PDB file of N, CA and C in Angstrom:
ATOM      1  N   MET A   1     120.673  89.003 107.603  1.00  0.00           N
ATOM      2  CA  MET A   1     120.323  87.864 108.434  1.00  0.00           C
ATOM      3  C   MET A   1     120.475  86.561 107.648  1.00  0.00           C
ATOM      4  N   ILE A   2     120.161  86.601 106.348  1.00  0.00           N
ATOM      5  CA  ILE A   2     120.259  85.387 105.537  1.00  0.00           C
ATOM      6  C   ILE A   2     121.712  84.924 105.465  1.00  0.00           C
ATOM      7  N   ARG A   3     122.622  85.898 105.360  1.00  0.00           N
ATOM      8  CA  ARG A   3     124.043  85.561 105.313  1.00  0.00           C
ATOM      9  C   ARG A   3     124.473  84.873 106.610  1.00  0.00           C
ATOM     10  N   LYS A   4     123.989  85.412 107.722  1.00  0.00           N
ATOM     11  CA  LYS A   4     124.318  84.802 109.011  1.00  0.00           C
ATOM     12  C   LYS A   4     123.765  83.384 109.095  1.00  0.00           C
ATOM     13  N   ALA A   5     122.552  83.208 108.589  1.00  0.00           N
ATOM     14  CA  ALA A   5     121.942  81.885 108.622  1.00  0.00           C
ATOM     15  C   ALA A   5     122.757  80.905 107.788  1.00  0.00           C
ATOM     16  N   ALA A   6     123.238  81.378 106.630  1.00  0.00           N
ATOM     17  CA  ALA A   6     124.050  80.503 105.788  1.00  0.00           C
ATOM     18  C   ALA A   6     125.372  80.164 106.478  1.00  0.00           C
ATOM     19  N   LEU A   7     125.942  81.145 107.163  1.00  0.00           N
ATOM     20  CA  LEU A   7     127.194  80.894 107.868  1.00  0.00           C
ATOM     21  C   LEU A   7     126.989  79.919 109.029  1.00  0.00           C
ATOM     22  N   ILE A   8     125.811  79.932 109.598  1.00  0.00           N
ATOM     23  CA  ILE A   8     125.498  78.977 110.671  1.00  0.00           C
ATOM     24  C   ILE A   8     125.250  77.592 110.090  1.00  0.00           C
ATOM     25  N   ALA A   9     124.537  77.531 108.965  1.00  0.00           N
ATOM     26  CA  ALA A   9     124.155  76.247 108.381  1.00  0.00           C
ATOM     27  C   ALA A   9     125.364  75.468 107.864  1.00  0.00           C
ATOM     28  N   LEU A  10     126.328  76.158 107.289  1.00  0.00           N
ATOM     29  CA  LEU A  10     127.480  75.471 106.705  1.00  0.00           C
ATOM     30  C   LEU A  10     128.254  74.654 107.741  1.00  0.00           C
ATOM     31  N   PRO A  11     128.661  75.236 108.861  1.00  0.00           N
ATOM     32  CA  PRO A  11     129.380  74.409 109.840  1.00  0.00           C
ATOM     33  C   PRO A  11     128.520  73.279 110.408  1.00  0.00           C
ATOM     34  N   LEU A  12     127.211  73.555 110.539  1.00  0.00           N
ATOM     35  CA  LEU A  12     126.333  72.500 111.046  1.00  0.00           C
ATOM     36  C   LEU A  12     126.242  71.346 110.054  1.00  0.00           C
ATOM     37  N   ALA A  13     126.182  71.687 108.778  1.00  0.00           N
ATOM     38  CA  ALA A  13     126.132  70.645 107.752  1.00  0.00           C
ATOM     39  C   ALA A  13     127.441  69.854 107.741  1.00  0.00           C
ATOM     40  N   LEU A  14     128.550  70.564 107.881  1.00  0.00           N
ATOM     41  CA  LEU A  14     129.841  69.863 107.921  1.00  0.00           C
ATOM     42  C   LEU A  14     129.941  68.981 109.163  1.00  0.00           C
ATOM     43  N   ALA A  15     129.365  69.446 110.261  1.00  0.00           N
ATOM     44  CA  ALA A  15     129.393  68.643 111.486  1.00  0.00           C
ATOM     45  C   ALA A  15     128.575  67.370 111.334  1.00  0.00           C
ATOM     46  N   ALA A  16     127.628  67.376 110.407  1.00  0.00           N
ATOM     47  CA  ALA A  16     126.790  66.198 110.194  1.00  0.00           C
ATOM     48  C   ALA A  16     127.514  65.137 109.367  1.00  0.00           C
ATOM     49  N   CYS A  17     128.661  65.479 108.808  1.00  0.00           N
ATOM     50  CA  CYS A  17     129.426  64.535 107.993  1.00  0.00           C
ATOM     51  C   CYS A  17     130.449  63.795 108.868  1.00  0.00           C
ATOM     52  N   ASN A  18     130.532  62.513 108.631  1.00  0.00           N
ATOM     53  CA  ASN A  18     131.555  61.702 109.306  1.00  0.00           C
ATOM     54  C   ASN A  18     132.523  61.210 108.241  1.00  0.00           C
ATOM     55  N   VAL A  19     133.780  61.493 108.433  1.00  0.00           N
ATOM     56  CA  VAL A  19     134.809  61.057 107.482  1.00  0.00           C
ATOM     57  C   VAL A  19     135.689  60.030 108.195  1.00  0.00           C
ATOM     58  N   GLU A  20     135.828  58.878 107.546  1.00  0.00           N
ATOM     59  CA  GLU A  20     136.678  57.829 108.110  1.00  0.00           C
ATOM     60  C   GLU A  20     137.719  57.446 107.071  1.00  0.00           C
ATOM     61  N   ARG A  21     138.941  57.454 107.511  1.00  0.00           N
ATOM     62  CA  ARG A  21     140.067  57.102 106.623  1.00  0.00           C
ATOM     63  C   ARG A  21     140.626  55.761 107.081  1.00  0.00           C
ATOM     64  N   ASP A  22     140.752  54.854 106.141  1.00  0.00           N
ATOM     65  CA  ASP A  22     141.333  53.540 106.431  1.00  0.00           C
ATOM     66  C   ASP A  22     142.662  53.470 105.690  1.00  0.00           C
ATOM     67  N   PRO A  23     143.762  53.753 106.409  1.00  0.00           N
ATOM     68  CA  PRO A  23     145.055  53.753 105.735  1.00  0.00           C
ATOM     69  C   PRO A  23     145.456  52.369 105.232  1.00  0.00           C
ATOM     70  N   GLY A  24     144.961  51.316 105.868  1.00  0.00           N
ATOM     71  CA  GLY A  24     145.298  49.964 105.425  1.00  0.00           C
ATOM     72  C   GLY A  24     144.763  49.676 104.033  1.00  0.00           C
ATOM     73  N   ASN A  25     143.554  50.109 103.773  1.00  0.00           N
ATOM     74  CA  ASN A  25     142.941  49.896 102.447  1.00  0.00           C
ATOM     75  C   ASN A  25     143.098  51.107 101.539  1.00  0.00           C
ATOM     76  N   ASP A  26     143.697  52.167 102.115  1.00  0.00           N
ATOM     77  CA  ASP A  26     143.849  53.431 101.389  1.00  0.00           C
ATOM     78  C   ASP A  26     142.498  53.924 100.858  1.00  0.00           C
ATOM     79  N   THR A  27     141.509  53.912 101.763  1.00  0.00           N
ATOM     80  CA  THR A  27     140.163  54.378 101.390  1.00  0.00           C
ATOM     81  C   THR A  27     139.693  55.427 102.393  1.00  0.00           C
ATOM     82  N   THR A  28     138.785  56.219 101.914  1.00  0.00           N
ATOM     83  CA  THR A  28     138.132  57.220 102.765  1.00  0.00           C
ATOM     84  C   THR A  28     136.632  57.064 102.549  1.00  0.00           C
ATOM     85  N   SER A  29     135.893  57.026 103.648  1.00  0.00           N
ATOM     86  CA  SER A  29     134.432  56.942 103.526  1.00  0.00           C
ATOM     87  C   SER A  29     133.811  58.147 104.232  1.00  0.00           C
ATOM     88  N   ILE A  30     132.802  58.655 103.596  1.00  0.00           N
ATOM     89  CA  ILE A  30     132.081  59.805 104.147  1.00  0.00           C
ATOM     90  C   ILE A  30     130.628  59.387 104.332  1.00  0.00           C
ATOM     91  N   THR A  31     130.122  59.584 105.532  1.00  0.00           N
ATOM     92  CA  THR A  31     128.710  59.324 105.801  1.00  0.00           C
ATOM     93  C   THR A  31     128.076  60.609 106.310  1.00  0.00           C
ATOM     94  N   VAL A  32     126.791  60.739 106.064  1.00  0.00           N
ATOM     95  CA  VAL A  32     126.065  61.942 106.452  1.00  0.00           C
ATOM     96  C   VAL A  32     124.964  61.552 107.421  1.00  0.00           C
ATOM     97  N   ASN A  33     124.885  62.272 108.517  1.00  0.00           N
ATOM     98  CA  ASN A  33     123.838  62.054 109.499  1.00  0.00           C
ATOM     99  C   ASN A  33     122.658  62.949 109.126  1.00  0.00           C
ATOM    100  N   ASP A  34     121.624  62.356 108.542  1.00  0.00           N
ATOM    101  CA  ASP A  34     120.464  63.124 108.074  1.00  0.00           C
ATOM    102  C   ASP A  34     119.764  63.875 109.205  1.00  0.00           C
ATOM    103  N   GLN A  35     119.737  63.281 110.375  1.00  0.00           N
ATOM    104  CA  GLN A  35     119.059  63.933 111.502  1.00  0.00           C
ATOM    105  C   GLN A  35     119.766  65.226 111.896  1.00  0.00           C
ATOM    106  N   LYS A  36     121.091  65.227 111.859  1.00  0.00           N
ATOM    107  CA  LYS A  36     121.825  66.450 112.180  1.00  0.00           C
ATOM    108  C   LYS A  36     121.548  67.536 111.144  1.00  0.00           C
ATOM    109  N   ILE A  37     121.493  67.134 109.883  1.00  0.00           N
ATOM    110  CA  ILE A  37     121.222  68.111 108.825  1.00  0.00           C
ATOM    111  C   ILE A  37     119.818  68.670 108.973  1.00  0.00           C
ATOM    112  N   GLU A  38     118.846  67.802 109.209  1.00  0.00           N
ATOM    113  CA  GLU A  38     117.474  68.274 109.384  1.00  0.00           C
ATOM    114  C   GLU A  38     117.373  69.223 110.578  1.00  0.00           C
ATOM    115  N   GLY A  39     118.061  68.888 111.642  1.00  0.00           N
ATOM    116  CA  GLY A  39     118.057  69.763 112.817  1.00  0.00           C
ATOM    117  C   GLY A  39     118.666  71.117 112.507  1.00  0.00           C
ATOM    118  N   ALA A  40     119.755  71.098 111.761  1.00  0.00           N
ATOM    119  CA  ALA A  40     120.405  72.362 111.395  1.00  0.00           C
ATOM    120  C   ALA A  40     119.505  73.196 110.498  1.00  0.00           C
ATOM    121  N   VAL A  41     118.876  72.555 109.528  1.00  0.00           N
ATOM    122  CA  VAL A  41     117.978  73.274 108.615  1.00  0.00           C
ATOM    123  C   VAL A  41     116.786  73.839 109.385  1.00  0.00           C
ATOM    124  N   ASP A  42     116.242  73.039 110.292  1.00  0.00           N
ATOM    125  CA  ASP A  42     115.126  73.528 111.110  1.00  0.00           C
ATOM    126  C   ASP A  42     115.548  74.732 111.950  1.00  0.00           C
ATOM    127  N   GLY A  43     116.736  74.660 112.530  1.00  0.00           N
ATOM    128  CA  GLY A  43     117.235  75.770 113.341  1.00  0.00           C
ATOM    129  C   GLY A  43     117.404  77.037 112.530  1.00  0.00           C
ATOM    130  N   VAL A  44     117.958  76.894 111.341  1.00  0.00           N
ATOM    131  CA  VAL A  44     118.144  78.059 110.470  1.00  0.00           C
ATOM    132  C   VAL A  44     116.782  78.600 110.036  1.00  0.00           C
ATOM    133  N   GLY A  45     115.875  77.704 109.699  1.00  0.00           N
ATOM    134  CA  GLY A  45     114.527  78.141 109.308  1.00  0.00           C
ATOM    135  C   GLY A  45     113.846  78.908 110.428  1.00  0.00           C
ATOM    136  N   ASN A  46     113.979  78.405 111.641  1.00  0.00           N
ATOM    137  CA  ASN A  46     113.378  79.099 112.785  1.00  0.00           C
ATOM    138  C   ASN A  46     114.008  80.470 112.994  1.00  0.00           C
ATOM    139  N   ALA A  47     115.324  80.547 112.816  1.00  0.00           N
ATOM    140  CA  ALA A  47     116.014  81.834 112.972  1.00  0.00           C
ATOM    141  C   ALA A  47     115.526  82.833 111.920  1.00  0.00           C
ATOM    142  N   LEU A  48     115.327  82.360 110.695  1.00  0.00           N
ATOM    143  CA  LEU A  48     114.834  83.247 109.637  1.00  0.00           C
ATOM    144  C   LEU A  48     113.406  83.698 109.914  1.00  0.00           C
ATOM    145  N   GLU A  49     112.574  82.794 110.410  1.00  0.00           N
ATOM    146  CA  GLU A  49     111.201  83.168 110.763  1.00  0.00           C
ATOM    147  C   GLU A  49     111.200  84.218 111.866  1.00  0.00           C
ATOM    148  N   ASP A  50     112.046  84.027 112.867  1.00  0.00           N
ATOM    149  CA  ASP A  50     112.141  84.999 113.957  1.00  0.00           C
ATOM    150  C   ASP A  50     112.598  86.355 113.433  1.00  0.00           C
ATOM    151  N   ALA A  51     113.581  86.346 112.548  1.00  0.00           N
ATOM    152  CA  ALA A  51     114.084  87.596 111.981  1.00  0.00           C
ATOM    153  C   ALA A  51     112.984  88.288 111.179  1.00  0.00           C
ATOM    154  N   GLY A  52     112.236  87.523 110.413  1.00  0.00           N
ATOM    155  CA  GLY A  52     111.131  88.093 109.641  1.00  0.00           C
ATOM    156  C   GLY A  52     110.079  88.717 110.545  1.00  0.00           C
ATOM    157  N   ARG A  53     109.790  88.046 111.630  1.00  0.00           N
ATOM    158  CA  ARG A  53     108.824  88.568 112.599  1.00  0.00           C
ATOM    159  C   ARG A  53     109.337  89.875 113.219  1.00  0.00           C
ATOM    160  N   GLU A  54     110.618  89.918 113.530  1.00  0.00           N
ATOM    161  CA  GLU A  54     111.204  91.127 114.115  1.00  0.00           C
ATOM    162  C   GLU A  54     111.136  92.297 113.134  1.00  0.00           C
ATOM    163  N   VAL A  55     111.404  92.026 111.867  1.00  0.00           N
ATOM    164  CA  VAL A  55     111.331  93.086 110.852  1.00  0.00           C
ATOM    165  C   VAL A  55     109.899  93.595 110.730  1.00  0.00           C
ATOM    166  N   LYS A  56     108.940  92.681 110.691  1.00  0.00           N
ATOM    167  CA  LYS A  56     107.537  93.069 110.586  1.00  0.00           C
ATOM    168  C   LYS A  56     107.120  93.892 111.797  1.00  0.00           C
ATOM    169  N   ASP A  57     107.499  93.456 112.984  1.00  0.00           N
ATOM    170  CA  ASP A  57     107.149  94.190 114.201  1.00  0.00           C
ATOM    171  C   ASP A  57     107.753  95.595 114.193  1.00  0.00           C
ATOM    172  N   ALA A  58     109.003  95.698 113.749  1.00  0.00           N
ATOM    173  CA  ALA A  58     109.661  97.009 113.681  1.00  0.00           C
ATOM    174  C   ALA A  58     108.934  97.917 112.684  1.00  0.00           C
ATOM    175  N   ALA A  59     108.541  97.360 111.550  1.00  0.00           N
ATOM    176  CA  ALA A  59     107.811  98.147 110.551  1.00  0.00           C
ATOM    177  C   ALA A  59     106.457  98.582 111.099  1.00  0.00           C
ATOM    178  N   ASP A  60     105.782  97.684 111.809  1.00  0.00           N
ATOM    179  CA  ASP A  60     104.491  98.030 112.399  1.00  0.00           C
ATOM    180  C   ASP A  60     104.635  99.159 113.416  1.00  0.00           C
ATOM    181  N   ARG A  61     105.706  99.111 114.204  1.00  0.00           N
ATOM    182  CA  ARG A  61     105.933 100.160 115.198  1.00  0.00           C
ATOM    183  C   ARG A  61     106.325 101.483 114.529  1.00  0.00           C
ATOM    184  N   ALA A  62     107.034 101.421 113.423  1.00  0.00           N
ATOM    185  CA  ALA A  62     107.512 102.631 112.755  1.00  0.00           C
ATOM    186  C   ALA A  62     106.417 103.305 111.928  1.00  0.00           C
ATOM    187  N   ALA A  63     105.455 102.552 111.456  1.00  0.00           N
ATOM    188  CA  ALA A  63     104.439 103.096 110.548  1.00  0.00           C
ATOM    189  C   ALA A  63     103.724 104.321 111.126  1.00  0.00           C
ATOM    190  N   PRO A  64     103.232 104.297 112.371  1.00  0.00           N
ATOM    191  CA  PRO A  64     102.556 105.491 112.886  1.00  0.00           C
ATOM    192  C   PRO A  64     103.479 106.709 112.957  1.00  0.00           C
ATOM    193  N   ALA A  65     104.735 106.502 113.313  1.00  0.00           N
ATOM    194  CA  ALA A  65     105.674 107.622 113.389  1.00  0.00           C
ATOM    195  C   ALA A  65     105.910 108.220 112.006  1.00  0.00           C
ATOM    196  N   VAL A  66     106.032 107.373 111.005  1.00  0.00           N
ATOM    197  CA  VAL A  66     106.241 107.854 109.635  1.00  0.00           C
ATOM    198  C   VAL A  66     105.003 108.623 109.168  1.00  0.00           C
ATOM    199  N   LYS A  67     103.825 108.090 109.481  1.00  0.00           N
ATOM    200  CA  LYS A  67     102.576 108.751 109.095  1.00  0.00           C
ATOM    201  C   LYS A  67     102.475 110.121 109.767  1.00  0.00           C
ATOM    202  N   ASP A  68     102.801 110.188 111.065  1.00  0.00           N
ATOM    203  CA  ASP A  68     102.758 111.466 111.787  1.00  0.00           C
ATOM    204  C   ASP A  68     103.758 112.459 111.208  1.00  0.00           C
ATOM    205  N   ALA A  69     104.954 111.976 110.888  1.00  0.00           N
ATOM    206  CA  ALA A  69     105.976 112.854 110.320  1.00  0.00           C
ATOM    207  C   ALA A  69     105.523 113.392 108.964  1.00  0.00           C
ATOM    208  N   ALA A  70     104.915 112.547 108.156  1.00  0.00           N
ATOM    209  CA  ALA A  70     104.433 112.993 106.842  1.00  0.00           C
ATOM    210  C   ALA A  70     103.343 114.049 107.007  1.00  0.00           C
ATOM    211  N   ARG A  71     102.452 113.847 107.972  1.00  0.00           N
ATOM    212  CA  ARG A  71     101.393 114.828 108.230  1.00  0.00           C
ATOM    213  C   ARG A  71     102.010 116.155 108.693  1.00  0.00           C
ATOM    214  N   ASP A  72     103.008 116.083 109.579  1.00  0.00           N
ATOM    215  CA  ASP A  72     103.666 117.293 110.074  1.00  0.00           C
ATOM    216  C   ASP A  72     104.350 118.060 108.943  1.00  0.00           C
ATOM    217  N   VAL A  73     104.999 117.336 108.048  1.00  0.00           N
ATOM    218  CA  VAL A  73     105.660 117.987 106.901  1.00  0.00           C
ATOM    219  C   VAL A  73     104.612 118.641 106.005  1.00  0.00           C
ATOM    220  N   GLY A  74     103.503 117.943 105.769  1.00  0.00           N
ATOM    221  CA  GLY A  74     102.425 118.515 104.955  1.00  0.00           C
ATOM    222  C   GLY A  74     101.852 119.775 105.583  1.00  0.00           C
ATOM    223  N   ASP A  75     101.636 119.739 106.901  1.00  0.00           N
ATOM    224  CA  ASP A  75     101.119 120.922 107.608  1.00  0.00           C
ATOM    225  C   ASP A  75     102.100 122.086 107.510  1.00  0.00           C
ATOM    226  N   ALA A  76     103.387 121.806 107.678  1.00  0.00           N
ATOM    227  CA  ALA A  76     104.407 122.855 107.587  1.00  0.00           C
ATOM    228  C   ALA A  76     104.439 123.445 106.179  1.00  0.00           C
ATOM    229  N   ALA A  77     104.305 122.597 105.180  1.00  0.00           N
ATOM    230  CA  ALA A  77     104.293 123.085 103.797  1.00  0.00           C
ATOM    231  C   ALA A  77     103.076 123.978 103.552  1.00  0.00           C
ATOM    232  N   ASN A  78     101.926 123.592 104.105  1.00  0.00           N
ATOM    233  CA  ASN A  78     100.724 124.416 103.954  1.00  0.00           C
ATOM    234  C   ASN A  78     100.901 125.779 104.625  1.00  0.00           C
ATOM    235  N   ARG A  79     101.491 125.778 105.833  1.00  0.00           N
ATOM    236  CA  ARG A  79     101.716 127.054 106.532  1.00  0.00           C
ATOM    237  C   ARG A  79     102.698 127.931 105.748  1.00  0.00           C
ATOM    238  N   ALA A  80     103.742 127.321 105.219  1.00  0.00           N
ATOM    239  CA  ALA A  80     104.715 128.082 104.429  1.00  0.00           C
ATOM    240  C   ALA A  80     104.048 128.663 103.178  1.00  0.00           C
ATOM    241  N   GLY A  81     103.204 127.854 102.538  1.00  0.00           N
ATOM    242  CA  GLY A  81     102.490 128.341 101.352  1.00  0.00           C
ATOM    243  C   GLY A  81     101.581 129.507 101.687  1.00  0.00           C
ATOM    244  N   ASP A  82     100.900 129.422 102.834  1.00  0.00           N
ATOM    245  CA  ASP A  82     100.022 130.519 103.255  1.00  0.00           C
ATOM    246  C   ASP A  82     100.825 131.794 103.487  1.00  0.00           C
ATOM    247  N   LYS A  83     101.990 131.673 104.126  1.00  0.00           N
ATOM    248  CA  LYS A  83     102.823 132.845 104.396  1.00  0.00           C
ATOM    249  C   LYS A  83     103.346 133.457 103.089  1.00  0.00           C
ATOM    250  N   ILE A  84     103.727 132.607 102.155  1.00  0.00           N
ATOM    251  CA  ILE A  84     104.227 133.110 100.866  1.00  0.00           C
ATOM    252  C   ILE A  84     103.108 133.831 100.126  1.00  0.00           C
ATOM    253  N   GLU A  85     101.920 133.242 100.156  1.00  0.00           N
ATOM    254  CA  GLU A  85     100.777 133.855  99.481  1.00  0.00           C
ATOM    255  C   GLU A  85     100.436 135.210 100.117  1.00  0.00           C
ATOM    256  N   ALA A  86     100.427 135.259 101.446  1.00  0.00           N
ATOM    257  CA  ALA A  86     100.131 136.512 102.137  1.00  0.00           C
ATOM    258  C   ALA A  86     101.203 137.558 101.820  1.00  0.00           C
ATOM    259  N   GLY A  87     102.459 137.142 101.779  1.00  0.00           N
ATOM    260  CA  GLY A  87     103.529 138.071 101.448  1.00  0.00           C
ATOM    261  C   GLY A  87     103.399 138.603 100.030  1.00  0.00           C
ATOM    262  N   ALA A  88     103.046 137.733  99.104  1.00  0.00           N
ATOM    263  CA  ALA A  88     102.881 138.159  97.710  1.00  0.00           C
ATOM    264  C   ALA A  88     101.711 139.124  97.583  1.00  0.00           C
ATOM    265  N   GLU A  89     100.619 138.845  98.301  1.00  0.00           N
ATOM    266  CA  GLU A  89      99.461 139.743  98.250  1.00  0.00           C
ATOM    267  C   GLU A  89      99.819 141.105  98.837  1.00  0.00           C
ATOM    268  N   GLY A  90     100.563 141.095  99.945  1.00  0.00           N
ATOM    269  CA  GLY A  90     100.985 142.360 100.551  1.00  0.00           C
ATOM    270  C   GLY A  90     101.892 143.145  99.615  1.00  0.00           C
ATOM    271  N   ALA A  91     102.807 142.470  98.959  1.00  0.00           N
ATOM    272  CA  ALA A  91     103.715 143.150  98.026  1.00  0.00           C
ATOM    273  C   ALA A  91     102.936 143.728  96.855  1.00  0.00           C
ATOM    274  N   ALA A  92     101.963 142.979  96.345  1.00  0.00           N
ATOM    275  CA  ALA A  92     101.163 143.475  95.214  1.00  0.00           C
ATOM    276  C   ALA A  92     100.338 144.683  95.641  1.00  0.00           C
ATOM    277  N   ARG A  93      99.790 144.645  96.847  1.00  0.00           N
ATOM    278  CA  ARG A  93      99.002 145.764  97.359  1.00  0.00           C
ATOM    279  C   ARG A  93      99.902 147.008  97.473  1.00  0.00           C
ATOM    280  N   GLY A  94     101.118 146.805  97.967  1.00  0.00           N
ATOM    281  CA  GLY A  94     102.050 147.922  98.099  1.00  0.00           C
ATOM    282  C   GLY A  94     102.398 148.531  96.751  1.00  0.00           C
ATOM    283  N   VAL A  95     102.572 147.687  95.751  1.00  0.00           N
ATOM    284  CA  VAL A  95     102.889 148.194  94.411  1.00  0.00           C
ATOM    285  C   VAL A  95     101.712 148.980  93.862  1.00  0.00           C
ATOM    286  N   ARG A  96     100.481 148.490  94.059  1.00  0.00           N
ATOM    287  CA  ARG A  96      99.296 149.203  93.562  1.00  0.00           C
ATOM    288  C   ARG A  96      99.166 150.561  94.253  1.00  0.00           C
ATOM    289  N   GLU A  97      99.378 150.600  95.562  1.00  0.00           N
ATOM    290  CA  GLU A  97      99.272 151.864  96.294  1.00  0.00           C
ATOM    291  C   GLU A  97     100.353 152.840  95.845  1.00  0.00           C
ATOM    292  N   GLU A  98     101.551 152.370  95.673  1.00  0.00           N
ATOM    293  CA  GLU A  98     102.659 153.224  95.231  1.00  0.00           C
ATOM    294  C   GLU A  98     102.367 153.781  93.853  1.00  0.00           C
ATOM    295  N   SER A  99     101.831 152.950  92.982  1.00  0.00           N
ATOM    296  CA  SER A  99     101.530 153.403  91.614  1.00  0.00           C
ATOM    297  C   SER A  99     100.413 154.438  91.625  1.00  0.00           C
ATOM    298  N   ARG A 100      99.415 154.272  92.481  1.00  0.00           N
ATOM    299  CA  ARG A 100      98.290 155.195  92.551  1.00  0.00           C
ATOM    300  C   ARG A 100      98.724 156.541  93.128  1.00  0.00           C
ATOM    301  N   ASP A 101      99.557 156.508  94.160  1.00  0.00           N
ATOM    302  CA  ASP A 101      99.962 157.741  94.846  1.00  0.00           C
ATOM    303  C   ASP A 101     101.056 158.501  94.090  1.00  0.00           C
ATOM    304  N   ASN A 102     101.796 157.855  93.269  1.00  0.00           N
ATOM    305  CA  ASN A 102     102.911 158.496  92.557  1.00  0.00           C
ATOM    306  C   ASN A 102     102.698 158.351  91.059  1.00  0.00           C
ATOM    307  N   THR A 103     101.849 159.188  90.535  1.00  0.00           N
ATOM    308  CA  THR A 103     101.585 159.111  89.092  1.00  0.00           C
ATOM    309  C   THR A 103     102.831 159.551  88.334  1.00  0.00           C
ATOM    310  N   PRO A 104     103.048 159.000  87.176  1.00  0.00           N
ATOM    311  CA  PRO A 104     104.233 159.379  86.427  1.00  0.00           C
ATOM    312  C   PRO A 104     104.134 160.851  85.988  1.00  0.00           C
ATOM    313  N   PRO A 105     105.287 161.521  85.899  1.00  0.00           N
ATOM    314  CA  PRO A 105     105.274 162.937  85.476  1.00  0.00           C
ATOM    315  C   PRO A 105     104.805 163.057  84.018  1.00  0.00           C
ATOM    316  N   ALA A 106     104.235 164.215  83.729  1.00  0.00           N
ATOM    317  CA  ALA A 106     103.767 164.442  82.354  1.00  0.00           C
ATOM    318  C   ALA A 106     104.948 164.558  81.422  1.00  0.00           C
ATOM    319  N   ASN A 107     104.727 164.160  80.205  1.00  0.00           N
ATOM    320  CA  ASN A 107     105.781 164.189  79.202  1.00  0.00           C
ATOM    321  C   ASN A 107     105.769 165.575  78.554  1.00  0.00           C
ATOM    322  N   ASN A 108     106.767 166.397  78.879  1.00  0.00           N
ATOM    323  CA  ASN A 108     106.840 167.765  78.367  1.00  0.00           C
ATOM    324  C   ASN A 108     107.858 167.868  77.243  1.00  0.00           C
ATOM    325  N   GLN A 109     107.538 167.399  76.139  1.00  0.00           N
ATOM    326  CA  GLN A 109     108.467 167.478  75.022  1.00  0.00           C
ATOM    327  C   GLN A 109     108.018 168.470  74.013  1.00  0.00           C
TER     328      GLN A 109
END
């Protein structure tokens, strides 16, 4: 947005300049209309303020959605952790039962 504002301000500033060429005296005079420049600067300033307000409003609207998404991801991670833990406990229980029911053969050497 700042780039756009600068692109708007430059032509407005140039429009505030009056160039007069006097070929008889071989002179060129440049005058600047301060009111036009002030108007252009005010316009650009207002545009930047509006853009800033729009960004803030968009961020305010997005914040609850981001917060909800973060909570949802956290909940999903907790559920996944619970499932992994339950699976690991089940696997360990299975190994203990298998070891208890299938004792190693005696060493007959």
